[in-house]
């Protein structure tokens, strides 16, 4: 479905670009209004997908309150939360849509929203993963870190799909060495 969506999105953006360049309709004409309306509809549709991906990623980053000192608490990654495979597949699909819409989003006027979504998701995943890996290295995972490691691998995949290769590489490398120092 994503590849078919990509092909259609690229075709639509190429057609709209070509119409703008070749036809050059008057700004107040029916053609110009129709083109603006169609671009707006597609852009709004993409923005809905961007927001859905943003919300779904938040659901994949479970949090819990942990005690600091006395009654002081802070929110930190919940390492033993089970991974919902249906949510993961939906997140992969939405992240794939975000990635494939990179070029067409510029033509449709929503590249800024797409880029902000990717940057926000990348930052939140990186922060969550950083804290989770620190907790894994301190030996705070109750199941030996198996559930946390699985979730972190899913997050690496999502970062890859979003096009955040450097962030994905960093998390992947830290995950490969997580817990190595705790055994000694």
C-alpha atoms as a PDB file:
ATOM      1  CA  UNK A   1       0.000   0.000   0.000  1.00  0.00           C
ATOM      2  CA  UNK A   2       2.778   2.489   0.824  1.00  0.00           C
ATOM      3  CA  UNK A   3       4.534   2.028  -2.524  1.00  0.00           C
ATOM      4  CA  UNK A   4       1.269   2.486  -4.403  1.00  0.00           C
ATOM      5  CA  UNK A   5       0.539   5.575  -2.297  1.00  0.00           C
ATOM      6  CA  UNK A   6       4.031   6.893  -3.075  1.00  0.00           C
ATOM      7  CA  UNK A   7       3.562   6.420  -6.811  1.00  0.00           C
ATOM      8  CA  UNK A   8       0.190   8.178  -6.778  1.00  0.00           C
ATOM      9  CA  UNK A   9       1.459  11.016  -4.599  1.00  0.00           C
ATOM     10  CA  UNK A  10       4.455  11.565  -6.861  1.00  0.00           C
ATOM     11  CA  UNK A  11       2.249  11.495  -9.947  1.00  0.00           C
ATOM     12  CA  UNK A  12      -0.176  14.049  -8.446  1.00  0.00           C
ATOM     13  CA  UNK A  13       2.618  16.387  -7.353  1.00  0.00           C
ATOM     14  CA  UNK A  14       4.333  16.126 -10.744  1.00  0.00           C
ATOM     15  CA  UNK A  15       1.042  16.796 -12.546  1.00  0.00           C
ATOM     16  CA  UNK A  16       0.257  19.808 -10.350  1.00  0.00           C
ATOM     17  CA  UNK A  17       3.759  21.195 -10.874  1.00  0.00           C
ATOM     18  CA  UNK A  18       3.516  20.719 -14.621  1.00  0.00           C
ATOM     19  CA  UNK A  19       0.094  22.382 -14.763  1.00  0.00           C
ATOM     20  CA  UNK A  20       1.438  25.346 -12.792  1.00  0.00           C
ATOM     21  CA  UNK A  21       4.406  25.709 -15.149  1.00  0.00           C
ATOM     22  CA  UNK A  22       2.707  25.032 -18.498  1.00  0.00           C
ATOM     23  CA  UNK A  23      -0.813  26.382 -18.110  1.00  0.00           C
ATOM     24  CA  UNK A  24      -0.198  29.308 -15.714  1.00  0.00           C
ATOM     25  CA  UNK A  25      -3.873  30.018 -14.991  1.00  0.00           C
ATOM     26  CA  UNK A  26      -4.943  33.492 -13.877  1.00  0.00           C
ATOM     27  CA  UNK A  27      -5.087  33.655 -10.053  1.00  0.00           C
ATOM     28  CA  UNK A  28      -8.819  34.459 -10.046  1.00  0.00           C
ATOM     29  CA  UNK A  29      -9.836  31.808 -12.606  1.00  0.00           C
ATOM     30  CA  UNK A  30     -11.796  28.627 -11.954  1.00  0.00           C
ATOM     31  CA  UNK A  31      -8.709  26.568 -12.857  1.00  0.00           C
ATOM     32  CA  UNK A  32      -6.533  28.359 -10.314  1.00  0.00           C
ATOM     33  CA  UNK A  33      -9.128  27.987  -7.582  1.00  0.00           C
ATOM     34  CA  UNK A  34      -9.581  24.294  -8.399  1.00  0.00           C
ATOM     35  CA  UNK A  35      -5.835  23.666  -8.335  1.00  0.00           C
ATOM     36  CA  UNK A  36      -5.462  25.494  -5.009  1.00  0.00           C
ATOM     37  CA  UNK A  37      -8.380  23.550  -3.581  1.00  0.00           C
ATOM     38  CA  UNK A  38      -6.938  20.190  -4.680  1.00  0.00           C
ATOM     39  CA  UNK A  39      -3.499  21.020  -3.292  1.00  0.00           C
ATOM     40  CA  UNK A  40      -5.099  22.072  -0.026  1.00  0.00           C
ATOM     41  CA  UNK A  41      -7.133  18.844   0.235  1.00  0.00           C
ATOM     42  CA  UNK A  42      -4.098  16.643  -0.385  1.00  0.00           C
ATOM     43  CA  UNK A  43      -1.991  18.732   1.990  1.00  0.00           C
ATOM     44  CA  UNK A  44      -4.617  18.449   4.726  1.00  0.00           C
ATOM     45  CA  UNK A  45      -4.803  14.698   4.174  1.00  0.00           C
ATOM     46  CA  UNK A  46      -1.035  14.392   4.540  1.00  0.00           C
ATOM     47  CA  UNK A  47      -1.072  16.608   7.645  1.00  0.00           C
ATOM     48  CA  UNK A  48      -3.652  14.289   9.227  1.00  0.00           C
ATOM     49  CA  UNK A  49      -1.297  11.376   8.623  1.00  0.00           C
ATOM     50  CA  UNK A  50       1.625  13.357  10.091  1.00  0.00           C
ATOM     51  CA  UNK A  51      -0.413  14.110  13.237  1.00  0.00           C
ATOM     52  CA  UNK A  52      -1.514  10.477  13.508  1.00  0.00           C
ATOM     53  CA  UNK A  53       2.106   9.330  13.320  1.00  0.00           C
ATOM     54  CA  UNK A  54       3.098  11.884  15.955  1.00  0.00           C
ATOM     55  CA  UNK A  55       0.356  10.695  18.307  1.00  0.00           C
ATOM     56  CA  UNK A  56       1.090   7.017  17.707  1.00  0.00           C
ATOM     57  CA  UNK A  57       4.782   7.451  18.448  1.00  0.00           C
ATOM     58  CA  UNK A  58       3.847   8.996  21.802  1.00  0.00           C
ATOM     59  CA  UNK A  59       1.854   5.847  22.571  1.00  0.00           C
ATOM     60  CA  UNK A  60       4.929   3.741  21.755  1.00  0.00           C
ATOM     61  CA  UNK A  61       6.983   5.659  24.345  1.00  0.00           C
ATOM     62  CA  UNK A  62       5.460   4.519  27.654  1.00  0.00           C
ATOM     63  CA  UNK A  63       6.317   6.582  30.729  1.00  0.00           C
ATOM     64  CA  UNK A  64       6.149   5.968  34.473  1.00  0.00           C
ATOM     65  CA  UNK A  65       6.838   8.027  37.559  1.00  0.00           C
ATOM     66  CA  UNK A  66      10.019   7.109  39.383  1.00  0.00           C
ATOM     67  CA  UNK A  67      11.120   8.301  42.800  1.00  0.00           C
ATOM     68  CA  UNK A  68      14.075  10.660  43.027  1.00  0.00           C
ATOM     69  CA  UNK A  69      14.470  11.720  46.656  1.00  0.00           C
ATOM     70  CA  UNK A  70      11.782  11.641  49.284  1.00  0.00           C
ATOM     71  CA  UNK A  71       8.482  12.550  47.679  1.00  0.00           C
ATOM     72  CA  UNK A  72      10.061  13.963  44.532  1.00  0.00           C
ATOM     73  CA  UNK A  73       9.322  12.016  41.361  1.00  0.00           C
ATOM     74  CA  UNK A  74      10.051  12.343  37.684  1.00  0.00           C
ATOM     75  CA  UNK A  75       8.726  10.737  34.543  1.00  0.00           C
ATOM     76  CA  UNK A  76      11.015   8.173  32.939  1.00  0.00           C
ATOM     77  CA  UNK A  77      10.704   5.387  30.359  1.00  0.00           C
ATOM     78  CA  UNK A  78       8.689   2.368  31.434  1.00  0.00           C
ATOM     79  CA  UNK A  79      10.979  -0.501  30.531  1.00  0.00           C
ATOM     80  CA  UNK A  80       8.629  -3.428  31.137  1.00  0.00           C
ATOM     81  CA  UNK A  81       5.697  -2.234  28.998  1.00  0.00           C
ATOM     82  CA  UNK A  82       4.584  -4.826  26.426  1.00  0.00           C
ATOM     83  CA  UNK A  83       4.885  -3.927  22.762  1.00  0.00           C
ATOM     84  CA  UNK A  84       1.602  -3.895  20.833  1.00  0.00           C
ATOM     85  CA  UNK A  85       2.371  -5.381  17.406  1.00  0.00           C
ATOM     86  CA  UNK A  86      -0.670  -3.743  15.787  1.00  0.00           C
ATOM     87  CA  UNK A  87       0.458  -0.291  16.962  1.00  0.00           C
ATOM     88  CA  UNK A  88       3.983  -1.004  15.742  1.00  0.00           C
ATOM     89  CA  UNK A  89       2.773  -1.937  12.262  1.00  0.00           C
ATOM     90  CA  UNK A  90       0.563   1.142  12.087  1.00  0.00           C
ATOM     91  CA  UNK A  91       3.482   3.327  13.205  1.00  0.00           C
ATOM     92  CA  UNK A  92       5.740   1.776  10.563  1.00  0.00           C
ATOM     93  CA  UNK A  93       3.130   2.456   7.898  1.00  0.00           C
ATOM     94  CA  UNK A  94       2.695   6.095   8.981  1.00  0.00           C
ATOM     95  CA  UNK A  95       6.448   6.673   9.237  1.00  0.00           C
ATOM     96  CA  UNK A  96       6.808   5.219   5.745  1.00  0.00           C
ATOM     97  CA  UNK A  97       4.200   7.678   4.495  1.00  0.00           C
ATOM     98  CA  UNK A  98       6.054  10.549   6.146  1.00  0.00           C
ATOM     99  CA  UNK A  99       9.283   9.474   4.462  1.00  0.00           C
ATOM    100  CA  UNK A 100       7.849   8.959   0.973  1.00  0.00           C
ATOM    101  CA  UNK A 101       6.016  12.290   1.055  1.00  0.00           C
ATOM    102  CA  UNK A 102       9.279  14.225   1.346  1.00  0.00           C
ATOM    103  CA  UNK A 103       9.395  15.513  -2.230  1.00  0.00           C
ATOM    104  CA  UNK A 104       5.672  15.841  -2.926  1.00  0.00           C
ATOM    105  CA  UNK A 105       5.112  17.649   0.388  1.00  0.00           C
ATOM    106  CA  UNK A 106       7.170  20.570  -0.899  1.00  0.00           C
ATOM    107  CA  UNK A 107       4.967  20.857  -3.986  1.00  0.00           C
ATOM    108  CA  UNK A 108       1.782  20.542  -1.931  1.00  0.00           C
ATOM    109  CA  UNK A 109       2.824  23.133   0.636  1.00  0.00           C
ATOM    110  CA  UNK A 110       3.182  20.903   3.700  1.00  0.00           C
ATOM    111  CA  UNK A 111       6.930  20.184   3.745  1.00  0.00           C
ATOM    112  CA  UNK A 112       7.390  22.366   6.808  1.00  0.00           C
ATOM    113  CA  UNK A 113       4.799  20.345   8.726  1.00  0.00           C
ATOM    114  CA  UNK A 114       6.387  17.086   7.565  1.00  0.00           C
ATOM    115  CA  UNK A 115       9.858  18.228   8.610  1.00  0.00           C
ATOM    116  CA  UNK A 116       8.624  19.470  12.007  1.00  0.00           C
ATOM    117  CA  UNK A 117       6.886  16.142  12.584  1.00  0.00           C
ATOM    118  CA  UNK A 118      10.046  14.193  11.738  1.00  0.00           C
ATOM    119  CA  UNK A 119      12.200  16.420  13.959  1.00  0.00           C
ATOM    120  CA  UNK A 120       9.740  16.162  16.858  1.00  0.00           C
ATOM    121  CA  UNK A 121       9.432  12.396  16.561  1.00  0.00           C
ATOM    122  CA  UNK A 122      13.191  11.990  16.233  1.00  0.00           C
ATOM    123  CA  UNK A 123      13.828  14.118  19.306  1.00  0.00           C
ATOM    124  CA  UNK A 124      11.255  12.330  21.461  1.00  0.00           C
ATOM    125  CA  UNK A 125      12.404   8.866  20.404  1.00  0.00           C
ATOM    126  CA  UNK A 126      16.060   9.786  20.941  1.00  0.00           C
ATOM    127  CA  UNK A 127      15.384  11.197  24.411  1.00  0.00           C
ATOM    128  CA  UNK A 128      13.263   8.221  25.444  1.00  0.00           C
ATOM    129  CA  UNK A 129      15.838   5.769  24.089  1.00  0.00           C
ATOM    130  CA  UNK A 130      18.692   7.618  25.818  1.00  0.00           C
ATOM    131  CA  UNK A 131      16.971   7.448  29.208  1.00  0.00           C
ATOM    132  CA  UNK A 132      15.873   3.839  28.664  1.00  0.00           C
ATOM    133  CA  UNK A 133      19.403   2.788  27.731  1.00  0.00           C
ATOM    134  CA  UNK A 134      20.795   4.545  30.812  1.00  0.00           C
ATOM    135  CA  UNK A 135      18.304   2.624  32.962  1.00  0.00           C
ATOM    136  CA  UNK A 136      19.188  -0.638  31.196  1.00  0.00           C
ATOM    137  CA  UNK A 137      22.879  -0.010  31.875  1.00  0.00           C
ATOM    138  CA  UNK A 138      22.085   0.576  35.564  1.00  0.00           C
ATOM    139  CA  UNK A 139      20.259  -2.772  35.650  1.00  0.00           C
ATOM    140  CA  UNK A 140      16.817  -1.313  36.375  1.00  0.00           C
ATOM    141  CA  UNK A 141      14.910  -3.608  34.006  1.00  0.00           C
ATOM    142  CA  UNK A 142      13.009  -6.386  35.793  1.00  0.00           C
ATOM    143  CA  UNK A 143      13.048  -8.906  32.937  1.00  0.00           C
ATOM    144  CA  UNK A 144      16.709  -8.519  32.058  1.00  0.00           C
ATOM    145  CA  UNK A 145      15.728  -5.797  29.629  1.00  0.00           C
ATOM    146  CA  UNK A 146      14.174  -8.071  26.997  1.00  0.00           C
ATOM    147  CA  UNK A 147      10.981  -6.027  26.579  1.00  0.00           C
ATOM    148  CA  UNK A 148      12.911  -2.768  26.596  1.00  0.00           C
ATOM    149  CA  UNK A 149      15.366  -4.089  24.012  1.00  0.00           C
ATOM    150  CA  UNK A 150      12.494  -5.149  21.753  1.00  0.00           C
ATOM    151  CA  UNK A 151      10.868  -1.711  22.066  1.00  0.00           C
ATOM    152  CA  UNK A 152      14.199   0.006  21.406  1.00  0.00           C
ATOM    153  CA  UNK A 153      14.684  -2.069  18.251  1.00  0.00           C
ATOM    154  CA  UNK A 154      11.218  -0.995  17.091  1.00  0.00           C
ATOM    155  CA  UNK A 155      12.193   2.629  17.759  1.00  0.00           C
ATOM    156  CA  UNK A 156      15.378   2.188  15.729  1.00  0.00           C
ATOM    157  CA  UNK A 157      13.237   0.919  12.848  1.00  0.00           C
ATOM    158  CA  UNK A 158      10.933   3.939  13.157  1.00  0.00           C
ATOM    159  CA  UNK A 159      13.890   6.319  13.119  1.00  0.00           C
ATOM    160  CA  UNK A 160      15.179   4.586   9.962  1.00  0.00           C
ATOM    161  CA  UNK A 161      11.777   4.884   8.318  1.00  0.00           C
ATOM    162  CA  UNK A 162      11.616   8.578   9.223  1.00  0.00           C
ATOM    163  CA  UNK A 163      14.948   9.156   7.516  1.00  0.00           C
ATOM    164  CA  UNK A 164      16.778   9.950  10.785  1.00  0.00           C
ATOM    165  CA  UNK A 165      19.700   7.646  10.013  1.00  0.00           C
ATOM    166  CA  UNK A 166      22.180   9.252  12.425  1.00  0.00           C
ATOM    167  CA  UNK A 167      19.783   9.012  15.365  1.00  0.00           C
ATOM    168  CA  UNK A 168      18.925   5.410  14.438  1.00  0.00           C
ATOM    169  CA  UNK A 169      22.620   4.512  14.212  1.00  0.00           C
ATOM    170  CA  UNK A 170      23.307   6.053  17.633  1.00  0.00           C
ATOM    171  CA  UNK A 171      20.467   4.174  19.330  1.00  0.00           C
ATOM    172  CA  UNK A 172      21.403   0.924  17.545  1.00  0.00           C
ATOM    173  CA  UNK A 173      25.046   1.173  18.679  1.00  0.00           C
ATOM    174  CA  UNK A 174      24.105   1.999  22.264  1.00  0.00           C
ATOM    175  CA  UNK A 175      21.578  -0.846  22.279  1.00  0.00           C
ATOM    176  CA  UNK A 176      24.232  -3.306  21.086  1.00  0.00           C
ATOM    177  CA  UNK A 177      26.423  -2.459  24.081  1.00  0.00           C
ATOM    178  CA  UNK A 178      23.661  -1.899  26.660  1.00  0.00           C
ATOM    179  CA  UNK A 179      24.140  -3.865  29.846  1.00  0.00           C
ATOM    180  CA  UNK A 180      27.696  -4.938  28.955  1.00  0.00           C
ATOM    181  CA  UNK A 181      29.159  -2.903  31.834  1.00  0.00           C
ATOM    182  CA  UNK A 182      26.494  -4.003  34.303  1.00  0.00           C
ATOM    183  CA  UNK A 183      27.627  -7.641  34.165  1.00  0.00           C
ATOM    184  CA  UNK A 184      31.083  -6.857  35.538  1.00  0.00           C
END
